[in-house]
Amino acid sequence: VLSGYAELQAALDALNRGEVYRFLTKPWD
């Protein structure tokens, strides 16, 4: 998931549910 800071909690929730392998915040390196 490529996530903005405002979506950080939603991305973490998806990570905890096993839906996401990694998430990167925008802008990414």
Full PDB file with SEQRES, HELIX, SHEET, SSBOND, CRYST1, ORIGX, SCALE, CONECT and MASTER records, all heavy atoms in Angstrom:
SEQRES   1 A   29  VAL LEU SER GLY TYR ALA GLU LEU GLN ALA ALA LEU ASP          
SEQRES   2 A   29  ALA LEU ASN ARG GLY GLU VAL TYR ARG PHE LEU THR LYS          
SEQRES   3 A   29  PRO TRP ASP                                                  
HELIX    1 AA1 TYR A    5  GLU A    7  5                                   3    
HELIX    2 AA2 LEU A    8  ASN A   16  1                                   9    
SHEET    1 AA1 2 LEU A   2  SER A   3  0                                        
SHEET    2 AA1 2 LEU A  24  THR A  25  1                                        
CRYST1    1.000    1.000    1.000  90.00  90.00  90.00 P 1           1          
ORIGX1      1.000000  0.000000  0.000000        0.00000                         
ORIGX2      0.000000  1.000000  0.000000        0.00000                         
ORIGX3      0.000000  0.000000  1.000000        0.00000                         
SCALE1      1.000000  0.000000  0.000000        0.00000                         
SCALE2      0.000000  1.000000  0.000000        0.00000                         
SCALE3      0.000000  0.000000  1.000000        0.00000                         
ATOM      1  N   VAL A   1       0.835  -1.188   0.000  1.00  0.00           N  
ATOM      2  CA  VAL A   1       0.000   0.000   0.000  1.00  0.00           C  
ATOM      3  C   VAL A   1       0.875   1.246   0.000  1.00  0.00           C  
ATOM      4  O   VAL A   1       1.845   1.345   0.767  1.00  0.00           O  
ATOM      5  CB  VAL A   1      -0.947   0.011   1.223  1.00  0.00           C  
ATOM      6  CG1 VAL A   1      -1.540   1.396   1.443  1.00  0.00           C  
ATOM      7  CG2 VAL A   1      -2.058  -1.002   1.035  1.00  0.00           C  
ATOM      8  N   LEU A   2       0.559   2.176  -0.866  1.00  0.00           N  
ATOM      9  CA  LEU A   2       1.197   3.485  -0.909  1.00  0.00           C  
ATOM     10  C   LEU A   2       0.257   4.451  -0.212  1.00  0.00           C  
ATOM     11  O   LEU A   2      -0.794   4.811  -0.757  1.00  0.00           O  
ATOM     12  CB  LEU A   2       1.455   3.906  -2.353  1.00  0.00           C  
ATOM     13  CG  LEU A   2       2.235   2.888  -3.193  1.00  0.00           C  
ATOM     14  CD1 LEU A   2       2.275   3.309  -4.656  1.00  0.00           C  
ATOM     15  CD2 LEU A   2       3.645   2.726  -2.654  1.00  0.00           C  
ATOM     16  N   SER A   3       0.587   4.839   1.007  1.00  0.00           N  
ATOM     17  CA  SER A   3      -0.372   5.531   1.861  1.00  0.00           C  
ATOM     18  C   SER A   3       0.122   6.913   2.247  1.00  0.00           C  
ATOM     19  O   SER A   3       1.316   7.124   2.495  1.00  0.00           O  
ATOM     20  CB  SER A   3      -0.600   4.704   3.135  1.00  0.00           C  
ATOM     21  OG  SER A   3      -1.404   5.416   4.048  1.00  0.00           O  
ATOM     22  N   GLY A   4      -0.821   7.865   2.304  1.00  0.00           N  
ATOM     23  CA  GLY A   4      -0.528   9.185   2.855  1.00  0.00           C  
ATOM     24  C   GLY A   4      -0.566   9.144   4.369  1.00  0.00           C  
ATOM     25  O   GLY A   4      -1.101   8.207   4.977  1.00  0.00           O  
ATOM     26  N   TYR A   5       0.006  10.167   5.008  1.00  0.00           N  
ATOM     27  CA  TYR A   5       0.045  10.181   6.473  1.00  0.00           C  
ATOM     28  C   TYR A   5      -1.363  10.172   7.063  1.00  0.00           C  
ATOM     29  O   TYR A   5      -1.610   9.581   8.107  1.00  0.00           O  
ATOM     30  CB  TYR A   5       0.821  11.419   6.963  1.00  0.00           C  
ATOM     31  CG  TYR A   5       2.300  11.278   6.805  1.00  0.00           C  
ATOM     32  CD1 TYR A   5       2.979  11.976   5.794  1.00  0.00           C  
ATOM     33  CD2 TYR A   5       3.037  10.439   7.632  1.00  0.00           C  
ATOM     34  CE1 TYR A   5       4.354  11.845   5.631  1.00  0.00           C  
ATOM     35  CE2 TYR A   5       4.420  10.307   7.467  1.00  0.00           C  
ATOM     36  CZ  TYR A   5       5.066  11.005   6.471  1.00  0.00           C  
ATOM     37  OH  TYR A   5       6.417  10.865   6.307  1.00  0.00           O  
ATOM     38  N   ALA A   6      -2.296  10.826   6.374  1.00  0.00           N  
ATOM     39  CA  ALA A   6      -3.662  10.885   6.896  1.00  0.00           C  
ATOM     40  C   ALA A   6      -4.323   9.515   6.892  1.00  0.00           C  
ATOM     41  O   ALA A   6      -5.291   9.283   7.616  1.00  0.00           O  
ATOM     42  CB  ALA A   6      -4.494  11.860   6.065  1.00  0.00           C  
ATOM     43  N   GLU A   7      -3.790   8.576   6.080  1.00  0.00           N  
ATOM     44  CA  GLU A   7      -4.386   7.244   5.974  1.00  0.00           C  
ATOM     45  C   GLU A   7      -3.599   6.216   6.767  1.00  0.00           C  
ATOM     46  O   GLU A   7      -3.814   5.023   6.617  1.00  0.00           O  
ATOM     47  CB  GLU A   7      -4.409   6.813   4.498  1.00  0.00           C  
ATOM     48  CG  GLU A   7      -5.102   7.782   3.559  1.00  0.00           C  
ATOM     49  CD  GLU A   7      -4.738   7.489   2.119  1.00  0.00           C  
ATOM     50  OE1 GLU A   7      -3.569   7.688   1.755  1.00  0.00           O  
ATOM     51  OE2 GLU A   7      -5.625   7.048   1.397  1.00  0.00           O  
ATOM     52  N   LEU A   8      -2.691   6.677   7.593  1.00  0.00           N  
ATOM     53  CA  LEU A   8      -1.773   5.768   8.272  1.00  0.00           C  
ATOM     54  C   LEU A   8      -2.505   4.728   9.108  1.00  0.00           C  
ATOM     55  O   LEU A   8      -2.171   3.542   9.075  1.00  0.00           O  
ATOM     56  CB  LEU A   8      -0.811   6.570   9.146  1.00  0.00           C  
ATOM     57  CG  LEU A   8       0.435   5.831   9.643  1.00  0.00           C  
ATOM     58  CD1 LEU A   8       1.203   5.221   8.479  1.00  0.00           C  
ATOM     59  CD2 LEU A   8       1.323   6.776  10.439  1.00  0.00           C  
ATOM     60  N   GLN A   9      -3.533   5.149   9.848  1.00  0.00           N  
ATOM     61  CA  GLN A   9      -4.243   4.215  10.708  1.00  0.00           C  
ATOM     62  C   GLN A   9      -4.964   3.140   9.895  1.00  0.00           C  
ATOM     63  O   GLN A   9      -4.961   1.960  10.244  1.00  0.00           O  
ATOM     64  CB  GLN A   9      -5.249   4.956  11.601  1.00  0.00           C  
ATOM     65  CG  GLN A   9      -5.929   4.055  12.628  1.00  0.00           C  
ATOM     66  CD  GLN A   9      -4.929   3.357  13.538  1.00  0.00           C  
ATOM     67  OE1 GLN A   9      -4.050   4.007  14.120  1.00  0.00           O  
ATOM     68  NE2 GLN A   9      -5.034   2.043  13.653  1.00  0.00           N  
ATOM     69  N   ALA A  10      -5.591   3.556   8.787  1.00  0.00           N  
ATOM     70  CA  ALA A  10      -6.279   2.580   7.927  1.00  0.00           C  
ATOM     71  C   ALA A  10      -5.296   1.576   7.358  1.00  0.00           C  
ATOM     72  O   ALA A  10      -5.579   0.378   7.265  1.00  0.00           O  
ATOM     73  CB  ALA A  10      -7.015   3.302   6.797  1.00  0.00           C  
ATOM     74  N   ALA A  11      -4.097   2.059   6.976  1.00  0.00           N  
ATOM     75  CA  ALA A  11      -3.079   1.154   6.446  1.00  0.00           C  
ATOM     76  C   ALA A  11      -2.602   0.176   7.515  1.00  0.00           C  
ATOM     77  O   ALA A  11      -2.397  -1.011   7.244  1.00  0.00           O  
ATOM     78  CB  ALA A  11      -1.908   1.962   5.899  1.00  0.00           C  
ATOM     79  N   LEU A  12      -2.430   0.674   8.739  1.00  0.00           N  
ATOM     80  CA  LEU A  12      -2.024  -0.206   9.840  1.00  0.00           C  
ATOM     81  C   LEU A  12      -3.083  -1.268  10.114  1.00  0.00           C  
ATOM     82  O   LEU A  12      -2.767  -2.431  10.387  1.00  0.00           O  
ATOM     83  CB  LEU A  12      -1.749   0.621  11.099  1.00  0.00           C  
ATOM     84  CG  LEU A  12      -0.438   1.438  11.097  1.00  0.00           C  
ATOM     85  CD1 LEU A  12      -0.420   2.390  12.288  1.00  0.00           C  
ATOM     86  CD2 LEU A  12       0.766   0.510  11.130  1.00  0.00           C  
ATOM     87  N   ASP A  13      -4.354  -0.868  10.059  1.00  0.00           N  
ATOM     88  CA  ASP A  13      -5.446  -1.825  10.274  1.00  0.00           C  
ATOM     89  C   ASP A  13      -5.395  -2.930   9.212  1.00  0.00           C  
ATOM     90  O   ASP A  13      -5.562  -4.119   9.528  1.00  0.00           O  
ATOM     91  CB  ASP A  13      -6.799  -1.113  10.222  1.00  0.00           C  
ATOM     92  CG  ASP A  13      -7.005  -0.189  11.417  1.00  0.00           C  
ATOM     93  OD1 ASP A  13      -6.290  -0.366  12.439  1.00  0.00           O  
ATOM     94  OD2 ASP A  13      -7.866   0.701  11.323  1.00  0.00           O  
ATOM     95  N   ALA A  14      -5.159  -2.533   7.966  1.00  0.00           N  
ATOM     96  CA  ALA A  14      -5.071  -3.523   6.886  1.00  0.00           C  
ATOM     97  C   ALA A  14      -3.876  -4.433   7.092  1.00  0.00           C  
ATOM     98  O   ALA A  14      -3.933  -5.644   6.834  1.00  0.00           O  
ATOM     99  CB  ALA A  14      -4.971  -2.809   5.533  1.00  0.00           C  
ATOM    100  N   LEU A  15      -2.781  -3.879   7.571  1.00  0.00           N  
ATOM    101  CA  LEU A  15      -1.592  -4.675   7.845  1.00  0.00           C  
ATOM    102  C   LEU A  15      -1.868  -5.697   8.935  1.00  0.00           C  
ATOM    103  O   LEU A  15      -1.498  -6.874   8.829  1.00  0.00           O  
ATOM    104  CB  LEU A  15      -0.441  -3.753   8.266  1.00  0.00           C  
ATOM    105  CG  LEU A  15       0.934  -4.398   8.488  1.00  0.00           C  
ATOM    106  CD1 LEU A  15       1.457  -4.996   7.199  1.00  0.00           C  
ATOM    107  CD2 LEU A  15       1.905  -3.372   9.049  1.00  0.00           C  
ATOM    108  N   ASN A  16      -2.565  -5.287   9.977  1.00  0.00           N  
ATOM    109  CA  ASN A  16      -2.888  -6.190  11.084  1.00  0.00           C  
ATOM    110  C   ASN A  16      -3.858  -7.290  10.674  1.00  0.00           C  
ATOM    111  O   ASN A  16      -3.859  -8.378  11.265  1.00  0.00           O  
ATOM    112  CB  ASN A  16      -3.463  -5.395  12.257  1.00  0.00           C  
ATOM    113  CG  ASN A  16      -2.426  -4.492  12.912  1.00  0.00           C  
ATOM    114  OD1 ASN A  16      -1.232  -4.791  12.876  1.00  0.00           O  
ATOM    115  ND2 ASN A  16      -2.868  -3.387  13.492  1.00  0.00           N  
ATOM    116  N   ARG A  17      -4.681  -7.019   9.678  1.00  0.00           N  
ATOM    117  CA  ARG A  17      -5.629  -8.039   9.196  1.00  0.00           C  
ATOM    118  C   ARG A  17      -4.975  -8.991   8.205  1.00  0.00           C  
ATOM    119  O   ARG A  17      -5.618  -9.915   7.706  1.00  0.00           O  
ATOM    120  CB  ARG A  17      -6.834  -7.367   8.529  1.00  0.00           C  
ATOM    121  CG  ARG A  17      -7.782  -6.665   9.484  1.00  0.00           C  
ATOM    122  CD  ARG A  17      -9.109  -6.353   8.789  1.00  0.00           C  
ATOM    123  NE  ARG A  17      -8.929  -5.466   7.652  1.00  0.00           N  
ATOM    124  CZ  ARG A  17      -9.016  -4.137   7.707  1.00  0.00           C  
ATOM    125  NH1 ARG A  17      -9.256  -3.540   8.872  1.00  0.00           N  
ATOM    126  NH2 ARG A  17      -8.851  -3.403   6.625  1.00  0.00           N  
ATOM    127  N   GLY A  18      -3.722  -8.765   7.892  1.00  0.00           N  
ATOM    128  CA  GLY A  18      -3.032  -9.633   6.946  1.00  0.00           C  
ATOM    129  C   GLY A  18      -3.336  -9.321   5.499  1.00  0.00           C  
ATOM    130  O   GLY A  18      -3.002 -10.104   4.605  1.00  0.00           O  
ATOM    131  N   GLU A  19      -3.971  -8.178   5.219  1.00  0.00           N  
ATOM    132  CA  GLU A  19      -4.319  -7.815   3.849  1.00  0.00           C  
ATOM    133  C   GLU A  19      -3.138  -7.168   3.123  1.00  0.00           C  
ATOM    134  O   GLU A  19      -3.133  -7.111   1.890  1.00  0.00           O  
ATOM    135  CB  GLU A  19      -5.510  -6.858   3.847  1.00  0.00           C  
ATOM    136  CG  GLU A  19      -6.779  -7.466   4.420  1.00  0.00           C  
ATOM    137  CD  GLU A  19      -7.891  -6.447   4.599  1.00  0.00           C  
ATOM    138  OE1 GLU A  19      -7.648  -5.244   4.393  1.00  0.00           O  
ATOM    139  OE2 GLU A  19      -9.007  -6.868   4.964  1.00  0.00           O  
ATOM    140  N   VAL A  20      -2.158  -6.674   3.867  1.00  0.00           N  
ATOM    141  CA  VAL A  20      -1.063  -5.903   3.291  1.00  0.00           C  
ATOM    142  C   VAL A  20       0.266  -6.483   3.754  1.00  0.00           C  
ATOM    143  O   VAL A  20       0.428  -6.842   4.931  1.00  0.00           O  
ATOM    144  CB  VAL A  20      -1.169  -4.417   3.696  1.00  0.00           C  
ATOM    145  CG1 VAL A  20       0.052  -3.633   3.229  1.00  0.00           C  
ATOM    146  CG2 VAL A  20      -2.442  -3.802   3.135  1.00  0.00           C  
ATOM    147  N   TYR A  21       1.232  -6.561   2.826  1.00  0.00           N  
ATOM    148  CA  TYR A  21       2.577  -7.025   3.165  1.00  0.00           C  
ATOM    149  C   TYR A  21       3.397  -5.864   3.747  1.00  0.00           C  
ATOM    150  O   TYR A  21       4.047  -5.993   4.782  1.00  0.00           O  
ATOM    151  CB  TYR A  21       3.236  -7.591   1.910  1.00  0.00           C  
ATOM    152  CG  TYR A  21       4.705  -7.878   2.049  1.00  0.00           C  
ATOM    153  CD1 TYR A  21       5.183  -8.786   2.990  1.00  0.00           C  
ATOM    154  CD2 TYR A  21       5.632  -7.240   1.217  1.00  0.00           C  
ATOM    155  CE1 TYR A  21       6.543  -9.048   3.123  1.00  0.00           C  
ATOM    156  CE2 TYR A  21       6.987  -7.506   1.331  1.00  0.00           C  
ATOM    157  CZ  TYR A  21       7.432  -8.400   2.294  1.00  0.00           C  
ATOM    158  OH  TYR A  21       8.780  -8.663   2.412  1.00  0.00           O  
ATOM    159  N   ARG A  22       3.401  -4.756   3.062  1.00  0.00           N  
ATOM    160  CA  ARG A  22       4.103  -3.570   3.530  1.00  0.00           C  
ATOM    161  C   ARG A  22       3.302  -2.340   3.137  1.00  0.00           C  
ATOM    162  O   ARG A  22       2.492  -2.382   2.207  1.00  0.00           O  
ATOM    163  CB  ARG A  22       5.490  -3.456   2.877  1.00  0.00           C  
ATOM    164  CG  ARG A  22       6.471  -4.538   3.239  1.00  0.00           C  
ATOM    165  CD  ARG A  22       7.220  -4.239   4.532  1.00  0.00           C  
ATOM    166  NE  ARG A  22       8.073  -5.352   4.897  1.00  0.00           N  
ATOM    167  CZ  ARG A  22       9.278  -5.573   4.392  1.00  0.00           C  
ATOM    168  NH1 ARG A  22       9.772  -4.757   3.474  1.00  0.00           N  
ATOM    169  NH2 ARG A  22      10.000  -6.604   4.793  1.00  0.00           N  
ATOM    170  N   PHE A  23       3.534  -1.223   3.845  1.00  0.00           N  
ATOM    171  CA  PHE A  23       2.991   0.035   3.361  1.00  0.00           C  
ATOM    172  C   PHE A  23       4.086   1.080   3.366  1.00  0.00           C  
ATOM    173  O   PHE A  23       4.957   1.099   4.239  1.00  0.00           O  
ATOM    174  CB  PHE A  23       1.763   0.478   4.167  1.00  0.00           C  
ATOM    175  CG  PHE A  23       2.070   0.935   5.567  1.00  0.00           C  
ATOM    176  CD1 PHE A  23       2.441   2.252   5.836  1.00  0.00           C  
ATOM    177  CD2 PHE A  23       1.954   0.050   6.636  1.00  0.00           C  
ATOM    178  CE1 PHE A  23       2.707   2.664   7.124  1.00  0.00           C  
ATOM    179  CE2 PHE A  23       2.220   0.457   7.924  1.00  0.00           C  
ATOM    180  CZ  PHE A  23       2.604   1.765   8.181  1.00  0.00           C  
ATOM    181  N   LEU A  24       4.058   1.920   2.338  1.00  0.00           N  
ATOM    182  CA  LEU A  24       5.023   2.991   2.177  1.00  0.00           C  
ATOM    183  C   LEU A  24       4.273   4.310   2.196  1.00  0.00           C  
ATOM    184  O   LEU A  24       3.224   4.439   1.550  1.00  0.00           O  
ATOM    185  CB  LEU A  24       5.782   2.858   0.850  1.00  0.00           C  
ATOM    186  CG  LEU A  24       6.520   1.527   0.604  1.00  0.00           C  
ATOM    187  CD1 LEU A  24       7.149   1.530  -0.785  1.00  0.00           C  
ATOM    188  CD2 LEU A  24       7.578   1.295   1.665  1.00  0.00           C  
ATOM    189  N   THR A  25       4.810   5.271   2.921  1.00  0.00           N  
ATOM    190  CA  THR A  25       4.150   6.575   2.979  1.00  0.00           C  
ATOM    191  C   THR A  25       4.598   7.442   1.808  1.00  0.00           C  
ATOM    192  O   THR A  25       5.719   7.322   1.307  1.00  0.00           O  
ATOM    193  CB  THR A  25       4.470   7.288   4.302  1.00  0.00           C  
ATOM    194  OG1 THR A  25       5.880   7.371   4.452  1.00  0.00           O  
ATOM    195  CG2 THR A  25       3.861   6.535   5.468  1.00  0.00           C  
ATOM    196  N   LYS A  26       3.700   8.279   1.364  1.00  0.00           N  
ATOM    197  CA  LYS A  26       3.979   9.199   0.263  1.00  0.00           C  
ATOM    198  C   LYS A  26       4.529  10.515   0.818  1.00  0.00           C  
ATOM    199  O   LYS A  26       4.013  10.993   1.834  1.00  0.00           O  
ATOM    200  CB  LYS A  26       2.701   9.454  -0.525  1.00  0.00           C  
ATOM    201  CG  LYS A  26       2.127   8.233  -1.243  1.00  0.00           C  
ATOM    202  CD  LYS A  26       0.912   8.615  -2.067  1.00  0.00           C  
ATOM    203  CE  LYS A  26      -0.354   8.208  -1.354  1.00  0.00           C  
ATOM    204  NZ  LYS A  26      -1.558   8.446  -2.147  1.00  0.00           N  
ATOM    205  N   PRO A  27       5.530  11.115   0.165  1.00  0.00           N  
ATOM    206  CA  PRO A  27       6.280  10.584  -1.001  1.00  0.00           C  
ATOM    207  C   PRO A  27       7.294   9.543  -0.556  1.00  0.00           C  
ATOM    208  O   PRO A  27       7.875   9.666   0.513  1.00  0.00           O  
ATOM    209  CB  PRO A  27       6.976  11.837  -1.543  1.00  0.00           C  
ATOM    210  CG  PRO A  27       7.158  12.702  -0.346  1.00  0.00           C  
ATOM    211  CD  PRO A  27       5.978  12.468   0.545  1.00  0.00           C  
ATOM    212  N   TRP A  28       7.472   8.519  -1.356  1.00  0.00           N  
ATOM    213  CA  TRP A  28       8.352   7.430  -0.971  1.00  0.00           C  
ATOM    214  C   TRP A  28       9.740   7.606  -1.605  1.00  0.00           C  
ATOM    215  O   TRP A  28       9.908   8.353  -2.576  1.00  0.00           O  
ATOM    216  CB  TRP A  28       7.766   6.083  -1.404  1.00  0.00           C  
ATOM    217  CG  TRP A  28       7.615   5.982  -2.889  1.00  0.00           C  
ATOM    218  CD1 TRP A  28       8.569   5.627  -3.796  1.00  0.00           C  
ATOM    219  CD2 TRP A  28       6.452   6.289  -3.658  1.00  0.00           C  
ATOM    220  NE1 TRP A  28       8.080   5.669  -5.082  1.00  0.00           N  
ATOM    221  CE2 TRP A  28       6.776   6.080  -5.027  1.00  0.00           C  
ATOM    222  CE3 TRP A  28       5.166   6.706  -3.337  1.00  0.00           C  
ATOM    223  CZ2 TRP A  28       5.858   6.289  -6.053  1.00  0.00           C  
ATOM    224  CZ3 TRP A  28       4.268   6.909  -4.347  1.00  0.00           C  
ATOM    225  CH2 TRP A  28       4.608   6.700  -5.685  1.00  0.00           C  
ATOM    226  N   ASP A  29      10.685   6.899  -1.082  1.00  0.00           N  
ATOM    227  CA  ASP A  29      12.040   6.856  -1.634  1.00  0.00           C  
ATOM    228  C   ASP A  29      12.096   5.753  -2.690  1.00  0.00           C  
ATOM    229  O   ASP A  29      11.685   4.614  -2.441  1.00  0.00           O  
ATOM    230  CB  ASP A  29      13.051   6.582  -0.502  1.00  0.00           C  
ATOM    231  CG  ASP A  29      14.465   6.477  -1.038  1.00  0.00           C  
ATOM    232  OD1 ASP A  29      15.065   7.519  -1.311  1.00  0.00           O  
ATOM    233  OD2 ASP A  29      14.926   5.326  -1.189  1.00  0.00           O  
TER     234      ASP A  29                                                      
MASTER        0    0    0    2    2    0    0    6  233    1    0    3          
END                                                                             
